[in-house]
């Protein structure tokens, strides 16, 4: 008569199989990390798998963290103007702007910082606030909350909300107006 295997034996076999799979993943992980098999050079792009893992993790984390952030009902023109001043001074070199390319050295950053022209379509204001305030690990995106007040982060969100559909001519005009105001302010101090 054939031997009967009960549920206990199947459970032990499943646990042993699971332990083997976990040990195999652990060994591969050790080899990748411990033996330096993961290429950390910013000059080489991520593999599709690494890109998917890091990007998906970032998106899900931002979505989760932003649930408790309450965005202003509306942004004012003054907030957007202050946000433009900060964006043009500290963000445009990595993220570009309408008619403004990113700085040439940005091509040496992995992952390459995104253009933000459609960011307001892809992210809610609360999500943008999380990204700008906290920065993003394993990217060149710094955490603004380290040296900028919370209100300034909302100003940048207000400006990024206006980027979608902004023409290069409008951005150039805003830059021109900002330079004129700055020059007048500096001349007034002399």
C-alpha atoms as a PDB file:
ATOM      1  CA  UNK A   1       0.000   0.000   0.000  1.00  0.00           C
ATOM      2  CA  UNK A   2       1.389   3.442  -0.926  1.00  0.00           C
ATOM      3  CA  UNK A   3       2.510   5.723   1.879  1.00  0.00           C
ATOM      4  CA  UNK A   4       0.110   8.586   2.655  1.00  0.00           C
ATOM      5  CA  UNK A   5       1.480  12.056   3.284  1.00  0.00           C
ATOM      6  CA  UNK A   6      -0.537  14.213   5.605  1.00  0.00           C
ATOM      7  CA  UNK A   7      -0.820  17.973   5.879  1.00  0.00           C
ATOM      8  CA  UNK A   8       2.037  18.075   8.391  1.00  0.00           C
ATOM      9  CA  UNK A   9       4.509  16.712   5.857  1.00  0.00           C
ATOM     10  CA  UNK A  10       3.316  19.149   3.174  1.00  0.00           C
ATOM     11  CA  UNK A  11       3.680  22.052   5.589  1.00  0.00           C
ATOM     12  CA  UNK A  12       7.242  21.027   6.430  1.00  0.00           C
ATOM     13  CA  UNK A  13       8.054  20.670   2.712  1.00  0.00           C
ATOM     14  CA  UNK A  14       6.588  24.106   1.949  1.00  0.00           C
ATOM     15  CA  UNK A  15       8.547  25.671   4.816  1.00  0.00           C
ATOM     16  CA  UNK A  16      11.765  24.023   3.646  1.00  0.00           C
ATOM     17  CA  UNK A  17      11.122  25.247   0.084  1.00  0.00           C
ATOM     18  CA  UNK A  18      10.421  28.763   1.351  1.00  0.00           C
ATOM     19  CA  UNK A  19      13.600  28.714   3.447  1.00  0.00           C
ATOM     20  CA  UNK A  20      15.590  27.600   0.388  1.00  0.00           C
ATOM     21  CA  UNK A  21      14.140  30.413  -1.745  1.00  0.00           C
ATOM     22  CA  UNK A  22      14.823  32.972   0.999  1.00  0.00           C
ATOM     23  CA  UNK A  23      18.401  31.700   1.366  1.00  0.00           C
ATOM     24  CA  UNK A  24      18.890  31.929  -2.415  1.00  0.00           C
ATOM     25  CA  UNK A  25      17.609  35.523  -2.492  1.00  0.00           C
ATOM     26  CA  UNK A  26      19.832  36.322   0.492  1.00  0.00           C
ATOM     27  CA  UNK A  27      22.874  34.868  -1.263  1.00  0.00           C
ATOM     28  CA  UNK A  28      22.158  36.849  -4.430  1.00  0.00           C
ATOM     29  CA  UNK A  29      21.586  39.998  -2.361  1.00  0.00           C
ATOM     30  CA  UNK A  30      24.862  39.438  -0.535  1.00  0.00           C
ATOM     31  CA  UNK A  31      26.699  38.973  -3.814  1.00  0.00           C
ATOM     32  CA  UNK A  32      25.205  42.157  -5.277  1.00  0.00           C
ATOM     33  CA  UNK A  33      25.881  44.270  -2.197  1.00  0.00           C
ATOM     34  CA  UNK A  34      28.752  42.547  -0.417  1.00  0.00           C
ATOM     35  CA  UNK A  35      30.861  41.815  -3.470  1.00  0.00           C
ATOM     36  CA  UNK A  36      30.219  45.166  -5.138  1.00  0.00           C
ATOM     37  CA  UNK A  37      28.314  43.794  -8.124  1.00  0.00           C
ATOM     38  CA  UNK A  38      25.878  46.715  -8.100  1.00  0.00           C
ATOM     39  CA  UNK A  39      27.205  49.465 -10.347  1.00  0.00           C
ATOM     40  CA  UNK A  40      26.883  52.729  -8.416  1.00  0.00           C
ATOM     41  CA  UNK A  41      28.442  54.879 -11.151  1.00  0.00           C
ATOM     42  CA  UNK A  42      26.206  57.830 -12.021  1.00  0.00           C
ATOM     43  CA  UNK A  43      27.557  57.624 -15.569  1.00  0.00           C
ATOM     44  CA  UNK A  44      25.715  54.362 -16.262  1.00  0.00           C
ATOM     45  CA  UNK A  45      21.921  54.137 -16.253  1.00  0.00           C
ATOM     46  CA  UNK A  46      19.943  51.844 -13.998  1.00  0.00           C
ATOM     47  CA  UNK A  47      18.802  48.527 -15.413  1.00  0.00           C
ATOM     48  CA  UNK A  48      15.090  48.334 -16.170  1.00  0.00           C
ATOM     49  CA  UNK A  49      14.517  46.264 -13.032  1.00  0.00           C
ATOM     50  CA  UNK A  50      16.398  48.668 -10.751  1.00  0.00           C
ATOM     51  CA  UNK A  51      14.656  51.653 -12.354  1.00  0.00           C
ATOM     52  CA  UNK A  52      11.251  50.029 -11.881  1.00  0.00           C
ATOM     53  CA  UNK A  53      11.981  49.125  -8.257  1.00  0.00           C
ATOM     54  CA  UNK A  54      13.324  52.555  -7.284  1.00  0.00           C
ATOM     55  CA  UNK A  55      10.731  54.539  -9.250  1.00  0.00           C
ATOM     56  CA  UNK A  56       7.768  52.482  -8.046  1.00  0.00           C
ATOM     57  CA  UNK A  57       9.040  52.649  -4.456  1.00  0.00           C
ATOM     58  CA  UNK A  58       9.395  56.439  -4.727  1.00  0.00           C
ATOM     59  CA  UNK A  59       5.908  56.905  -6.204  1.00  0.00           C
ATOM     60  CA  UNK A  60       4.227  54.711  -3.562  1.00  0.00           C
ATOM     61  CA  UNK A  61       6.165  56.378  -0.739  1.00  0.00           C
ATOM     62  CA  UNK A  62       5.240  59.886  -1.912  1.00  0.00           C
ATOM     63  CA  UNK A  63       1.595  58.845  -2.265  1.00  0.00           C
ATOM     64  CA  UNK A  64       1.554  57.403   1.263  1.00  0.00           C
ATOM     65  CA  UNK A  65       3.375  60.331   2.902  1.00  0.00           C
ATOM     66  CA  UNK A  66       1.250  62.955   1.174  1.00  0.00           C
ATOM     67  CA  UNK A  67      -2.040  61.650   2.569  1.00  0.00           C
ATOM     68  CA  UNK A  68      -1.596  63.684   5.741  1.00  0.00           C
ATOM     69  CA  UNK A  69      -0.485  66.883   3.960  1.00  0.00           C
ATOM     70  CA  UNK A  70      -3.205  69.460   3.423  1.00  0.00           C
ATOM     71  CA  UNK A  71      -2.510  71.761   0.503  1.00  0.00           C
ATOM     72  CA  UNK A  72      -3.852  75.315   0.364  1.00  0.00           C
ATOM     73  CA  UNK A  73      -7.209  75.522  -1.396  1.00  0.00           C
ATOM     74  CA  UNK A  74      -5.756  78.049  -3.819  1.00  0.00           C
ATOM     75  CA  UNK A  75      -2.352  79.509  -4.461  1.00  0.00           C
ATOM     76  CA  UNK A  76      -1.949  83.259  -4.762  1.00  0.00           C
ATOM     77  CA  UNK A  77      -0.128  85.153  -7.502  1.00  0.00           C
ATOM     78  CA  UNK A  78       2.341  86.331  -4.845  1.00  0.00           C
ATOM     79  CA  UNK A  79       3.116  82.727  -3.872  1.00  0.00           C
ATOM     80  CA  UNK A  80       3.674  81.770  -7.512  1.00  0.00           C
ATOM     81  CA  UNK A  81       5.934  84.811  -8.039  1.00  0.00           C
ATOM     82  CA  UNK A  82       8.029  83.920  -4.982  1.00  0.00           C
ATOM     83  CA  UNK A  83       8.059  80.314  -6.173  1.00  0.00           C
ATOM     84  CA  UNK A  84       9.306  81.406  -9.596  1.00  0.00           C
ATOM     85  CA  UNK A  85      12.141  83.357  -7.979  1.00  0.00           C
ATOM     86  CA  UNK A  86      13.211  80.272  -5.988  1.00  0.00           C
ATOM     87  CA  UNK A  87      12.695  77.891  -8.941  1.00  0.00           C
ATOM     88  CA  UNK A  88      14.662  80.037 -11.377  1.00  0.00           C
ATOM     89  CA  UNK A  89      17.457  80.474  -8.851  1.00  0.00           C
ATOM     90  CA  UNK A  90      17.753  76.932  -7.526  1.00  0.00           C
ATOM     91  CA  UNK A  91      15.761  74.438  -9.610  1.00  0.00           C
ATOM     92  CA  UNK A  92      15.906  75.372 -13.285  1.00  0.00           C
ATOM     93  CA  UNK A  93      19.470  74.158 -13.754  1.00  0.00           C
ATOM     94  CA  UNK A  94      18.362  70.558 -13.052  1.00  0.00           C
ATOM     95  CA  UNK A  95      14.703  70.628 -14.145  1.00  0.00           C
ATOM     96  CA  UNK A  96      14.737  73.181 -16.967  1.00  0.00           C
ATOM     97  CA  UNK A  97      11.814  75.415 -17.756  1.00  0.00           C
ATOM     98  CA  UNK A  98       9.725  76.449 -20.755  1.00  0.00           C
ATOM     99  CA  UNK A  99      12.350  77.210 -23.402  1.00  0.00           C
ATOM    100  CA  UNK A 100      15.153  76.732 -20.864  1.00  0.00           C
ATOM    101  CA  UNK A 101      17.264  73.584 -21.115  1.00  0.00           C
ATOM    102  CA  UNK A 102      18.762  71.851 -18.135  1.00  0.00           C
ATOM    103  CA  UNK A 103      22.443  72.572 -17.416  1.00  0.00           C
ATOM    104  CA  UNK A 104      24.808  70.334 -19.420  1.00  0.00           C
ATOM    105  CA  UNK A 105      26.235  68.701 -16.272  1.00  0.00           C
ATOM    106  CA  UNK A 106      22.783  67.305 -15.422  1.00  0.00           C
ATOM    107  CA  UNK A 107      23.332  64.518 -17.961  1.00  0.00           C
ATOM    108  CA  UNK A 108      25.830  63.097 -15.445  1.00  0.00           C
ATOM    109  CA  UNK A 109      23.125  62.542 -12.816  1.00  0.00           C
ATOM    110  CA  UNK A 110      21.409  59.144 -12.545  1.00  0.00           C
ATOM    111  CA  UNK A 111      18.500  59.147 -12.591  1.00  0.00           C
ATOM    112  CA  UNK A 112      18.287  62.271 -14.731  1.00  0.00           C
ATOM    113  CA  UNK A 113      16.104  64.906 -13.049  1.00  0.00           C
ATOM    114  CA  UNK A 114      12.767  65.205 -14.843  1.00  0.00           C
ATOM    115  CA  UNK A 115      11.542  68.259 -16.668  1.00  0.00           C
ATOM    116  CA  UNK A 116       8.715  69.598 -14.517  1.00  0.00           C
ATOM    117  CA  UNK A 117       6.489  71.070 -17.207  1.00  0.00           C
ATOM    118  CA  UNK A 118       3.847  68.385 -16.592  1.00  0.00           C
ATOM    119  CA  UNK A 119       4.595  67.758 -12.911  1.00  0.00           C
ATOM    120  CA  UNK A 120       1.314  69.346 -11.824  1.00  0.00           C
ATOM    121  CA  UNK A 121      -0.512  66.851 -14.040  1.00  0.00           C
ATOM    122  CA  UNK A 122       1.395  63.873 -12.605  1.00  0.00           C
ATOM    123  CA  UNK A 123       1.481  64.887  -8.929  1.00  0.00           C
ATOM    124  CA  UNK A 124      -0.962  66.555  -6.546  1.00  0.00           C
ATOM    125  CA  UNK A 125       0.150  69.712  -4.689  1.00  0.00           C
ATOM    126  CA  UNK A 126       0.531  67.645  -1.500  1.00  0.00           C
ATOM    127  CA  UNK A 127       2.735  65.134  -3.313  1.00  0.00           C
ATOM    128  CA  UNK A 128       4.868  67.908  -4.815  1.00  0.00           C
ATOM    129  CA  UNK A 129       5.235  69.354  -1.316  1.00  0.00           C
ATOM    130  CA  UNK A 130       6.533  66.009  -0.005  1.00  0.00           C
ATOM    131  CA  UNK A 131       9.024  65.662  -2.866  1.00  0.00           C
ATOM    132  CA  UNK A 132      10.321  69.230  -2.566  1.00  0.00           C
ATOM    133  CA  UNK A 133      10.406  69.288   1.244  1.00  0.00           C
ATOM    134  CA  UNK A 134      11.973  65.881   1.816  1.00  0.00           C
ATOM    135  CA  UNK A 135      14.019  65.401  -1.348  1.00  0.00           C
ATOM    136  CA  UNK A 136      14.469  61.948  -2.864  1.00  0.00           C
ATOM    137  CA  UNK A 137      17.024  59.366  -1.838  1.00  0.00           C
ATOM    138  CA  UNK A 138      19.351  57.977  -4.517  1.00  0.00           C
ATOM    139  CA  UNK A 139      18.772  61.063  -6.674  1.00  0.00           C
ATOM    140  CA  UNK A 140      20.277  64.528  -6.639  1.00  0.00           C
ATOM    141  CA  UNK A 141      17.008  66.017  -5.317  1.00  0.00           C
ATOM    142  CA  UNK A 142      17.843  67.766  -2.030  1.00  0.00           C
ATOM    143  CA  UNK A 143      15.506  68.153   0.920  1.00  0.00           C
ATOM    144  CA  UNK A 144      14.384  71.783   0.887  1.00  0.00           C
ATOM    145  CA  UNK A 145      13.125  71.636   4.454  1.00  0.00           C
ATOM    146  CA  UNK A 146      16.738  71.496   5.649  1.00  0.00           C
ATOM    147  CA  UNK A 147      17.367  75.145   4.754  1.00  0.00           C
ATOM    148  CA  UNK A 148      14.101  76.642   3.522  1.00  0.00           C
ATOM    149  CA  UNK A 149      10.945  77.414   5.496  1.00  0.00           C
ATOM    150  CA  UNK A 150       7.770  75.452   4.830  1.00  0.00           C
ATOM    151  CA  UNK A 151       6.082  78.480   3.235  1.00  0.00           C
ATOM    152  CA  UNK A 152       8.796  78.692   0.580  1.00  0.00           C
ATOM    153  CA  UNK A 153       8.178  75.065  -0.363  1.00  0.00           C
ATOM    154  CA  UNK A 154       4.498  75.872  -0.919  1.00  0.00           C
ATOM    155  CA  UNK A 155       5.602  78.859  -3.048  1.00  0.00           C
ATOM    156  CA  UNK A 156       7.549  76.521  -5.316  1.00  0.00           C
ATOM    157  CA  UNK A 157       4.555  74.175  -5.525  1.00  0.00           C
ATOM    158  CA  UNK A 158       2.447  77.193  -6.529  1.00  0.00           C
ATOM    159  CA  UNK A 159       4.856  77.978  -9.348  1.00  0.00           C
ATOM    160  CA  UNK A 160       5.186  74.355 -10.519  1.00  0.00           C
ATOM    161  CA  UNK A 161       1.385  74.272 -10.727  1.00  0.00           C
ATOM    162  CA  UNK A 162       1.642  77.099 -13.303  1.00  0.00           C
ATOM    163  CA  UNK A 163       4.363  75.470 -15.429  1.00  0.00           C
ATOM    164  CA  UNK A 164       1.948  73.307 -17.379  1.00  0.00           C
ATOM    165  CA  UNK A 165       1.067  75.193 -20.507  1.00  0.00           C
ATOM    166  CA  UNK A 166       3.456  78.070 -19.787  1.00  0.00           C
ATOM    167  CA  UNK A 167       5.066  79.298 -22.985  1.00  0.00           C
ATOM    168  CA  UNK A 168       8.787  79.929 -23.382  1.00  0.00           C
ATOM    169  CA  UNK A 169       7.950  83.584 -24.035  1.00  0.00           C
ATOM    170  CA  UNK A 170       6.082  83.854 -20.711  1.00  0.00           C
ATOM    171  CA  UNK A 171       8.949  82.244 -18.795  1.00  0.00           C
ATOM    172  CA  UNK A 172      11.459  84.551 -20.504  1.00  0.00           C
ATOM    173  CA  UNK A 173       9.293  87.560 -19.588  1.00  0.00           C
ATOM    174  CA  UNK A 174       9.152  86.435 -15.961  1.00  0.00           C
ATOM    175  CA  UNK A 175      12.953  86.118 -15.935  1.00  0.00           C
ATOM    176  CA  UNK A 176      13.309  89.577 -17.488  1.00  0.00           C
ATOM    177  CA  UNK A 177      10.934  91.120 -14.934  1.00  0.00           C
ATOM    178  CA  UNK A 178      12.764  89.401 -12.066  1.00  0.00           C
ATOM    179  CA  UNK A 179      16.150  90.688 -13.246  1.00  0.00           C
ATOM    180  CA  UNK A 180      14.752  94.222 -13.563  1.00  0.00           C
ATOM    181  CA  UNK A 181      13.268  94.124 -10.038  1.00  0.00           C
ATOM    182  CA  UNK A 182      16.538  92.739  -8.657  1.00  0.00           C
ATOM    183  CA  UNK A 183      18.605  95.411 -10.424  1.00  0.00           C
ATOM    184  CA  UNK A 184      16.298  98.203  -9.169  1.00  0.00           C
ATOM    185  CA  UNK A 185      16.487  96.835  -5.627  1.00  0.00           C
ATOM    186  CA  UNK A 186      20.292  96.660  -5.776  1.00  0.00           C
ATOM    187  CA  UNK A 187      20.557 100.175  -7.199  1.00  0.00           C
ATOM    188  CA  UNK A 188      18.322 101.464  -4.419  1.00  0.00           C
ATOM    189  CA  UNK A 189      20.733 100.085  -1.812  1.00  0.00           C
ATOM    190  CA  UNK A 190      23.801 101.782  -3.295  1.00  0.00           C
END
